[in-house]
Protein backbone atom coordinates (compact mmCIF):
# COMPACT_ATOMS: atom_id res chain seq x y z
CA UNK A 1 -8.73 12.61 19.88
CA UNK A 2 -7.14 13.91 16.66
CA UNK A 3 -5.31 17.20 16.25
CA UNK A 4 -3.20 18.72 13.50
CA UNK A 5 -0.78 21.64 13.34
CA UNK A 6 0.93 23.08 10.28
CA UNK A 7 4.20 24.93 10.82
CA UNK A 8 4.95 28.10 8.87
CA UNK A 9 7.13 26.14 6.43
CA UNK A 10 4.32 23.71 5.62
CA UNK A 11 5.34 20.74 7.78
CA UNK A 12 2.20 19.05 9.12
CA UNK A 13 2.05 17.34 12.53
CA UNK A 14 -0.93 15.09 13.31
CA UNK A 15 -1.59 13.18 16.52
CA UNK A 16 -4.00 10.58 17.84
CA UNK A 17 -4.24 10.87 21.61
CA UNK A 18 -4.46 7.41 23.22
CA UNK A 19 -4.13 8.06 26.98
CA UNK A 20 -4.56 4.42 28.04
CA UNK A 21 -1.48 3.24 26.15
CA UNK A 22 2.07 2.93 27.45
CA UNK A 23 3.64 2.80 23.98
CA UNK A 24 3.62 5.31 21.19
CA UNK A 25 4.24 5.02 17.48
CA UNK A 26 5.90 7.91 15.68
CA UNK A 27 5.99 8.13 11.90
CA UNK A 28 7.79 10.53 9.58
CA UNK A 29 5.94 10.48 6.26
CA UNK A 30 7.21 11.89 2.97
CA UNK A 31 5.00 12.41 -0.06
CA UNK A 32 7.11 10.48 -2.50
CA UNK A 33 7.19 6.96 -3.84
CA UNK A 34 6.90 4.95 -7.02
CA UNK A 35 4.45 7.38 -8.67
CA UNK A 36 7.00 10.19 -8.54
CA UNK A 37 9.72 8.27 -10.38
CA UNK A 38 10.80 8.21 -13.99
CA UNK A 39 11.40 5.00 -15.90
CA UNK A 40 15.15 5.56 -15.70
CA UNK A 41 15.08 6.08 -11.92
CA UNK A 42 12.58 3.34 -11.06
CA UNK A 43 13.22 2.22 -7.50
CA UNK A 44 15.00 5.36 -6.32
CA UNK A 45 12.43 6.08 -3.56
CA UNK A 46 12.96 2.62 -2.10
CA UNK A 47 16.74 2.92 -2.55
CA UNK A 48 16.78 6.20 -0.62
CA UNK A 49 14.60 4.72 2.13
CA UNK A 50 17.23 2.01 2.64
CA UNK A 51 20.04 4.54 2.73
CA UNK A 52 18.45 6.66 5.44
CA UNK A 53 18.87 3.74 7.84
CA UNK A 54 22.60 3.85 7.14
CA UNK A 55 25.02 6.37 8.59
CA UNK A 56 24.20 9.99 9.27
CA UNK A 57 26.64 12.81 10.01
CA UNK A 58 26.17 11.96 13.71
CA UNK A 59 25.62 8.17 13.87
CA UNK A 60 26.79 4.98 12.26
CA UNK A 61 24.23 2.49 10.97
CA UNK A 62 24.70 0.40 14.11
CA UNK A 63 24.27 3.42 16.37
CA UNK A 64 20.99 4.34 14.65
CA UNK A 65 19.53 0.91 15.37
CA UNK A 66 20.95 0.71 18.90
CA UNK A 67 19.58 4.13 19.83
CA UNK A 68 16.04 2.76 19.47
CA UNK A 69 16.40 -0.99 19.98
CA UNK A 70 18.66 -0.48 22.99
CA UNK A 71 15.76 0.99 24.94
CA UNK A 72 13.15 -1.57 23.88
CA UNK A 73 11.84 0.06 20.72
CA UNK A 74 11.60 -0.99 17.08
CA UNK A 75 12.62 0.97 14.00
CA UNK A 76 11.25 0.37 10.52
CA UNK A 77 10.32 1.94 7.21
CA UNK A 78 8.43 1.25 4.01
CA UNK A 79 7.96 2.70 0.55
CA UNK A 80 4.63 2.87 -1.28
CA UNK A 81 3.41 4.30 -4.54
CA UNK A 82 2.52 7.68 -3.01
CA UNK A 83 4.44 7.83 0.25
CA UNK A 84 7.54 6.76 2.16
CA UNK A 85 7.38 6.24 5.93
CA UNK A 86 9.96 5.90 8.70
CA UNK A 87 8.59 4.81 12.06
CA UNK A 88 9.48 4.05 15.65
CA UNK A 89 7.35 2.12 18.13
CA UNK A 90 8.56 2.59 21.67
CA UNK A 91 7.51 3.48 25.22
CA UNK A 92 6.10 6.99 25.29
CA UNK A 93 8.73 8.35 27.68
CA UNK A 94 11.22 8.17 24.82
CA UNK A 95 9.46 10.72 22.61
CA UNK A 96 12.30 13.23 22.38
CA UNK A 97 14.93 10.63 21.53
CA UNK A 98 12.69 9.06 18.89
CA UNK A 99 12.10 12.43 17.25
CA UNK A 100 15.82 13.19 17.38
CA UNK A 101 16.82 9.86 15.78
CA UNK A 102 14.28 10.03 12.96
CA UNK A 103 15.13 13.69 12.33
CA UNK A 104 18.81 12.80 12.17
CA UNK A 105 18.08 10.08 9.61
CA UNK A 106 16.01 12.31 7.35
CA UNK A 107 17.94 15.55 7.68
CA UNK A 108 21.55 14.39 8.09
CA UNK A 109 21.89 11.24 6.00
CA UNK A 110 25.50 10.81 4.89
CA UNK A 111 24.75 8.99 1.61
CA UNK A 112 28.35 7.81 1.47
CA UNK A 113 29.73 5.90 -1.49
CA UNK A 114 30.30 2.86 0.70
CA UNK A 115 26.69 2.82 1.94
CA UNK A 116 25.31 3.36 -1.55
CA UNK A 117 27.20 0.41 -3.01
CA UNK A 118 26.34 -1.84 -0.08
CA UNK A 119 22.62 -1.06 -0.27
CA UNK A 120 22.67 -1.35 -4.06
CA UNK A 121 23.82 -4.95 -3.55
CA UNK A 122 21.25 -5.56 -0.81
CA UNK A 123 18.38 -4.24 -2.95
CA UNK A 124 19.50 -6.29 -5.94
CA UNK A 125 19.19 -9.39 -3.76
CA UNK A 126 15.80 -8.16 -2.52
CA UNK A 127 14.61 -7.87 -6.12
CA UNK A 128 15.79 -11.43 -6.82
CA UNK A 129 13.91 -12.62 -3.73
CA UNK A 130 10.65 -11.06 -4.93
CA UNK A 131 11.08 -12.59 -8.38
CA UNK A 132 11.35 -15.98 -6.66
CA UNK A 133 8.05 -15.39 -4.80
CA UNK A 134 5.30 -15.93 -7.38
CA UNK A 135 2.59 -14.65 -5.04
CA UNK A 136 4.41 -11.31 -4.89
CA UNK A 137 5.71 -11.19 -8.45
CA UNK A 138 2.27 -11.82 -9.96
CA UNK A 139 1.00 -8.58 -8.39
CA UNK A 140 3.82 -6.68 -10.08
CA UNK A 141 2.83 -8.26 -13.40
CA UNK A 142 -0.78 -7.19 -12.78
CA UNK A 143 0.35 -3.60 -12.14
CA UNK A 144 2.21 -3.60 -15.45
CA UNK A 145 -0.97 -4.71 -17.23
CA UNK A 146 -3.18 -2.14 -15.54
CA UNK A 147 -0.87 0.86 -15.86
CA UNK A 148 1.32 0.19 -18.94
CA UNK A 149 4.03 2.79 -19.47
CA UNK A 150 3.02 4.64 -16.28
CA UNK A 151 4.76 4.88 -12.89
CA UNK A 152 2.02 2.83 -11.18
CA UNK A 153 2.97 -0.01 -13.50
CA UNK A 154 6.64 -0.05 -12.49
CA UNK A 155 8.17 -2.25 -9.78
CA UNK A 156 8.44 -0.34 -6.49
CA UNK A 157 11.88 -1.80 -5.91
CA UNK A 158 12.95 -1.00 -9.45
CA UNK A 159 14.80 -3.59 -11.50
CA UNK A 160 18.37 -4.81 -11.21
CA UNK A 161 19.15 -2.60 -14.22
CA UNK A 162 17.61 0.62 -12.90
CA UNK A 163 18.98 0.17 -9.37
CA UNK A 164 22.37 -0.60 -10.84
CA UNK A 165 22.35 2.64 -12.82
CA UNK A 166 21.27 5.07 -10.05
CA UNK A 167 24.11 7.43 -9.19
CA UNK A 168 24.91 9.26 -5.97
CA UNK A 169 23.94 12.58 -7.51
CA UNK A 170 20.56 11.12 -8.49
CA UNK A 171 19.95 10.22 -4.86
CA UNK A 172 21.07 13.62 -3.58
CA UNK A 173 18.90 15.45 -6.11
CA UNK A 174 15.89 13.26 -5.33
CA UNK A 175 16.25 13.78 -1.59
CA UNK A 176 16.63 17.55 -1.94
CA UNK A 177 13.56 17.65 -4.15
CA UNK A 178 11.17 15.65 -1.99
CA UNK A 179 12.46 15.60 1.60
CA UNK A 180 11.32 19.14 2.33
CA UNK A 181 9.07 20.42 5.16
CA UNK A 182 6.01 21.13 3.05
CA UNK A 183 6.19 17.62 1.62
CA UNK A 184 6.37 15.88 5.00
CA UNK A 185 3.93 14.85 7.72
CA UNK A 186 4.83 13.75 11.26
CA UNK A 187 2.24 11.49 12.85
CA UNK A 188 2.11 10.14 16.42
CA UNK A 189 -0.35 7.78 18.05
CA UNK A 190 0.01 7.31 21.80
CA UNK A 191 -0.50 8.83 25.26
CA UNK A 192 1.21 12.15 24.52
CA UNK A 193 -0.67 15.41 24.13
CA UNK A 194 -0.50 17.22 20.84
CA UNK A 195 1.31 20.35 21.99
CA UNK A 196 4.14 18.28 23.47
CA UNK A 197 4.62 16.47 20.15
CA UNK A 198 4.61 19.75 18.23
CA UNK A 199 7.18 21.23 20.58
CA UNK A 200 9.48 18.22 20.28
CA UNK A 201 9.34 18.12 16.48
CA UNK A 202 9.59 21.87 15.98
CA UNK A 203 13.12 21.88 17.41
CA UNK A 204 14.42 20.21 14.27
CA UNK A 205 12.09 21.44 11.54
CA UNK A 206 10.69 24.91 12.21
CA UNK A 207 13.70 26.77 10.79
CA UNK A 208 13.85 24.78 7.56
CA UNK A 209 12.63 26.71 4.51
CA UNK A 210 9.56 25.89 2.46
CA UNK A 211 10.37 24.76 -1.08
CA UNK A 212 8.40 24.28 -4.26
CA UNK A 213 6.04 21.32 -3.97
CA UNK A 214 6.26 18.46 -6.48
CA UNK A 215 3.34 16.48 -7.88
CA UNK A 216 2.99 13.27 -9.83
CA UNK A 217 1.40 12.95 -13.25
CA UNK A 218 -2.24 11.80 -13.14
CA UNK A 219 -2.99 8.29 -14.36
CA UNK A 220 -4.38 7.68 -17.82
CA UNK A 221 -7.22 5.18 -18.01
CA UNK A 222 -7.72 4.14 -21.62
CA UNK A 223 -8.20 0.37 -21.51
CA UNK A 224 -10.75 -0.83 -24.05
CA UNK A 225 -10.12 -4.60 -24.11
CA UNK A 226 -9.13 -7.23 -21.52
CA UNK A 227 -5.42 -7.86 -21.00
CA UNK A 228 -3.53 -10.90 -19.77
CA UNK A 229 0.06 -11.84 -18.99
CA UNK A 230 0.45 -15.56 -18.32
CA UNK A 231 4.07 -16.07 -17.30
CA UNK A 232 5.43 -19.60 -17.61
CA UNK A 233 7.35 -20.93 -14.62
CA UNK A 234 7.70 -24.39 -13.11
CA UNK A 235 5.74 -24.06 -9.86
CA UNK A 236 3.50 -26.35 -7.84
CA UNK A 237 0.59 -23.90 -8.17
CA UNK A 238 -0.50 -21.31 -10.68
CA UNK A 239 -0.63 -17.95 -8.93
CA UNK A 240 -3.33 -15.61 -10.21
CA UNK A 241 -3.92 -11.88 -9.79
CA UNK A 242 -6.99 -10.37 -11.41
CA UNK A 243 -7.66 -6.65 -11.33
CA UNK A 244 -10.07 -3.98 -12.52
CA UNK A 245 -9.83 -0.20 -12.03
CA UNK A 246 -11.80 0.86 -8.97
CA UNK A 247 -12.17 3.69 -6.45
CA UNK A 248 -9.69 6.41 -5.49
CA UNK A 249 -9.16 7.53 -1.87
CA UNK A 250 -11.93 10.16 -2.06
CA UNK A 251 -14.42 8.38 -4.32
CA UNK A 252 -17.89 8.42 -2.71
CA UNK A 253 -18.26 4.75 -3.70
CA UNK A 254 -15.23 3.65 -1.66
CA UNK A 255 -17.37 2.54 1.28
CA UNK A 256 -19.52 0.32 -0.92
CA UNK A 257 -16.42 -1.14 -2.59
CA UNK A 258 -14.87 -1.86 0.82
CA UNK A 259 -17.96 -3.84 1.79
CA UNK A 260 -18.01 -5.62 -1.57
CA UNK A 261 -14.42 -6.69 -0.88
CA UNK A 262 -15.51 -8.22 2.43
CA UNK A 263 -18.45 -10.00 0.83
CA UNK A 264 -16.31 -11.45 -1.95
CA UNK A 265 -12.95 -12.30 -0.42
CA UNK A 266 -11.88 -10.73 2.86
CA UNK A 267 -12.44 -13.73 5.11
CA UNK A 268 -13.40 -17.41 5.25
CA UNK A 269 -17.11 -16.55 5.14
CA UNK A 270 -16.73 -14.72 1.83
CA UNK A 271 -18.36 -15.86 -1.39
CA UNK A 272 -15.12 -16.62 -3.24
CA UNK A 273 -13.59 -18.53 -0.34
CA UNK A 274 -16.71 -20.63 0.04
CA UNK A 275 -17.11 -21.29 -3.68
CA UNK A 276 -13.47 -21.78 -4.72
CA UNK A 277 -11.99 -23.48 -1.67
CA UNK A 278 -14.75 -24.94 0.46
CA UNK A 279 -17.13 -26.13 -2.25
CA UNK A 280 -14.75 -27.01 -5.11
CA UNK A 281 -11.32 -27.41 -3.51
CA UNK A 282 -9.62 -25.49 -6.32
CA UNK A 283 -7.34 -23.40 -4.11
CA UNK A 284 -5.85 -23.27 -0.65
CA UNK A 285 -5.89 -19.49 -0.55
CA UNK A 286 -8.08 -16.97 -2.31
CA UNK A 287 -8.70 -13.36 -1.32
CA UNK A 288 -9.64 -9.93 -2.57
CA UNK A 289 -8.15 -6.52 -1.90
CA UNK A 290 -8.73 -2.85 -2.65
CA UNK A 291 -5.84 -0.49 -3.33
CA UNK A 292 -6.72 3.21 -3.43
CA UNK A 293 -4.57 6.02 -4.81
CA UNK A 294 -5.16 9.75 -4.97
CA UNK A 295 -6.70 9.60 -8.45
CA UNK A 296 -7.17 5.89 -9.15
CA UNK A 297 -7.65 2.50 -7.57
CA UNK A 298 -7.82 -1.23 -8.21
CA UNK A 299 -9.91 -4.15 -7.01
CA UNK A 300 -7.83 -7.34 -6.94
CA UNK A 301 -8.62 -11.03 -6.68
CA UNK A 302 -5.61 -13.20 -5.77
CA UNK A 303 -5.39 -16.99 -5.63
CA UNK A 304 -3.04 -19.94 -5.83
CA UNK A 305 -4.79 -22.77 -7.70
CA UNK A 306 -4.12 -26.32 -8.80
CA UNK A 307 -2.24 -26.23 -12.08
CA UNK A 308 -4.72 -28.39 -13.98
CA UNK A 309 -7.66 -26.32 -12.66
CA UNK A 310 -6.39 -22.88 -13.74
CA UNK A 311 -9.05 -22.15 -16.37
CA UNK A 312 -11.83 -23.57 -14.23
CA UNK A 313 -10.81 -21.44 -11.26
CA UNK A 314 -10.78 -18.25 -13.34
CA UNK A 315 -14.16 -19.13 -14.81
CA UNK A 316 -15.70 -19.68 -11.36
CA UNK A 317 -14.17 -16.43 -10.02
CA UNK A 318 -15.67 -14.43 -12.89
CA UNK A 319 -19.04 -16.10 -12.36
CA UNK A 320 -18.98 -14.91 -8.75
CA UNK A 321 -18.09 -11.38 -9.84
CA UNK A 322 -20.99 -11.44 -12.28
CA UNK A 323 -23.28 -12.95 -9.66
CA UNK A 324 -22.81 -10.12 -7.18
CA UNK A 325 -24.00 -7.67 -9.85
CA UNK A 326 -27.46 -9.26 -9.87
CA UNK A 327 -27.59 -11.21 -6.59
CA UNK A 328 -27.38 -8.62 -3.80
CA UNK A 329 -26.45 -9.70 -0.30
CA UNK A 330 -29.46 -10.38 1.86
CA UNK A 331 -30.00 -8.56 5.13
CA UNK A 332 -27.97 -11.01 7.21
CA UNK A 333 -25.04 -11.26 4.79
CA UNK A 334 -24.73 -7.49 4.55
CA UNK A 335 -25.00 -7.15 8.34
CA UNK A 336 -22.17 -9.67 8.82
CA UNK A 337 -19.99 -7.77 6.36
CA UNK A 338 -20.61 -4.48 8.16
CA UNK A 339 -19.89 -6.03 11.54
CA UNK A 340 -16.67 -7.55 10.21
CA UNK A 341 -15.55 -4.19 8.81
CA UNK A 342 -16.39 -2.40 12.06
CA UNK A 343 -14.73 -4.99 14.24
CA UNK A 344 -11.53 -5.14 12.19
CA UNK A 345 -11.29 -1.34 12.08
CA UNK A 346 -11.81 -0.79 15.79
CA UNK A 347 -9.53 -3.64 16.85
CA UNK A 348 -6.74 -2.34 14.60
CA UNK A 349 -7.04 1.12 16.14
CA UNK A 350 -6.32 -0.32 19.59
CA UNK A 351 -2.67 -0.71 18.52
CA UNK A 352 -0.55 2.43 18.39
CA UNK A 353 1.38 1.32 15.29
CA UNK A 354 -1.73 0.40 13.30
CA UNK A 355 -3.42 3.62 14.44
CA UNK A 356 -0.44 5.73 13.39
CA UNK A 357 -0.30 4.10 9.95
CA UNK A 358 -4.06 4.42 9.50
CA UNK A 359 -3.95 8.13 10.34
CA UNK A 360 -0.72 8.72 8.42
CA UNK A 361 -2.06 7.22 5.21
CA UNK A 362 -5.17 9.37 5.39
CA UNK A 363 -3.34 12.62 6.08
CA UNK A 364 -0.54 11.92 3.59
CA UNK A 365 -2.64 10.84 0.62
CA UNK A 366 -5.89 12.70 1.29
CA UNK A 367 -4.53 15.76 3.15
CA UNK A 368 -7.44 15.25 5.58
CA UNK A 369 -9.05 12.42 7.49
CA UNK A 370 -12.28 10.92 8.71
CA UNK A 371 -12.52 9.57 12.23
CA UNK A 372 -13.33 5.90 12.74
CA UNK A 373 -16.81 6.93 13.86
CA UNK A 374 -17.39 8.89 10.63
CA UNK A 375 -16.13 6.01 8.51
CA UNK A 376 -18.36 3.48 10.25
CA UNK A 377 -21.38 5.76 9.83
CA UNK A 378 -20.72 5.80 6.08
CA UNK A 379 -20.36 2.02 6.07
CA UNK A 380 -23.67 1.64 7.91
CA UNK A 381 -25.47 3.61 5.17
CA UNK A 382 -24.51 1.17 2.41
CA UNK A 383 -27.40 -0.88 1.02
CA UNK A 384 -27.54 -4.14 -0.91
CA UNK A 385 -28.44 -2.11 -3.98
CA UNK A 386 -25.23 -0.10 -3.57
CA UNK A 387 -23.23 -3.33 -3.70
CA UNK A 388 -24.86 -4.40 -6.97
CA UNK A 389 -24.40 -0.94 -8.41
CA UNK A 390 -20.66 -0.70 -7.75
CA UNK A 391 -20.15 -4.29 -8.91
CA UNK A 392 -21.84 -3.43 -12.22
CA UNK A 393 -19.81 -0.22 -12.44
CA UNK A 394 -16.38 -1.84 -12.04
CA UNK A 395 -16.64 -5.51 -13.07
CA UNK A 396 -16.40 -5.24 -16.87
CA UNK A 397 -14.58 -7.38 -19.41
CA UNK A 398 -13.05 -4.42 -21.24
CA UNK A 399 -11.16 -3.31 -18.13
CA UNK A 400 -10.30 -6.77 -16.79
CA UNK A 401 -6.65 -7.73 -16.33
CA UNK A 402 -5.31 -11.17 -15.44
CA UNK A 403 -1.72 -12.02 -14.57
CA UNK A 404 -0.58 -15.53 -13.73
CA UNK A 405 2.66 -17.33 -12.93
CA UNK A 406 3.03 -21.07 -13.26
CA UNK A 407 3.22 -23.90 -15.81
CA UNK A 408 0.56 -22.37 -18.06
CA UNK A 409 -0.12 -24.11 -21.36
CA UNK A 410 -1.16 -22.81 -24.78
CA UNK A 411 -4.56 -24.33 -24.07
CA UNK A 412 -4.72 -22.30 -20.86
CA UNK A 413 -3.91 -19.10 -22.74
CA UNK A 414 -6.62 -19.69 -25.32
CA UNK A 415 -9.16 -20.62 -22.67
CA UNK A 416 -8.40 -17.65 -20.42
CA UNK A 417 -8.74 -15.15 -23.25
CA UNK A 418 -12.22 -16.52 -24.01
CA UNK A 419 -13.25 -16.67 -20.38
CA UNK A 420 -12.23 -13.03 -19.80
CA UNK A 421 -14.95 -11.95 -22.24
CA UNK A 422 -17.63 -13.32 -19.89
CA UNK A 423 -17.29 -10.60 -17.25
CA UNK A 424 -20.33 -8.53 -18.15
């Protein structure tokens, strides 16, 4: 089902053959993102992503969109910490046009002064929007706590100040440095055979030269005491994000941590949802998440809680994290978690876009991939004892970080600092 080809210049092409589909999803991935930025150029990866949807030497911004949307497709892009992706979802008969449009965007971007100033204004408004969304902003505050003074701790969009200071030459230099064949991966999921995809993509990329690869600086993990950032703002809820360092993309414990995430907060059956919302009514929404990077990771608990119940909610959450260290899931609970993981994985892979992103993230960050079958076999091997072990390994007070946004009081701050010491 999966095949990969590497051109002589280092460009990698990976495909997932899905013969029953009518649509395909094509992604052009670049190994660059927030981790590759300096403090002065924070947000430049995201800025450049925006600009590549603007005019090229061959098309106006409107013509780029119409080329895909005018034949029933969708065009999108996103920037992460370790990658940037441009993607098209469309009927499979439009492969060659999709490759041509995305290639035009990445290889022939005009980066005109007019486009730069327009997108600078657009991104500044985007930053303001995120600052007005406490559920989003609190995650940025958590990242700052977990990775202080490091690229992982910077806002992906940058700040109004950094975006305002980025010059055209900065963008040109950044693009020339990272948008090179041996730093790019083309991924397609759909009913098109691998050799046809390789042939279509090679037309635009095979003659481009290989350049020197660029790497990010490894993270430094030196936290010895818990950290908190309780940001005062008049809101109807206090939004919480709690995080501890966890598994990287290749950590052998990643399968156990994925299951622990499901047990604690991935659905309405989870322990935190049942305890915080169903039993105590402290929150409308509470969930967990796992973010994995090449050399680091984070386990996050997020919630929006009643203002007057902030300290109580944090205390109950930490009790549940402590509880899973010593109270392993029984046979039925673990079976339900495994079935949920398997079902969600397999259902997601029925969609060409989700399948392309799933494969693209693996190949881009890990330079290799496991099939769904291999992943599920690893999940099936996890025992209740593994869950307790990884919980004890990662849930520790000295590496706990809590960010919150809302009408927090001095009493809240004092209480939270004491409560944080109770996590093992």
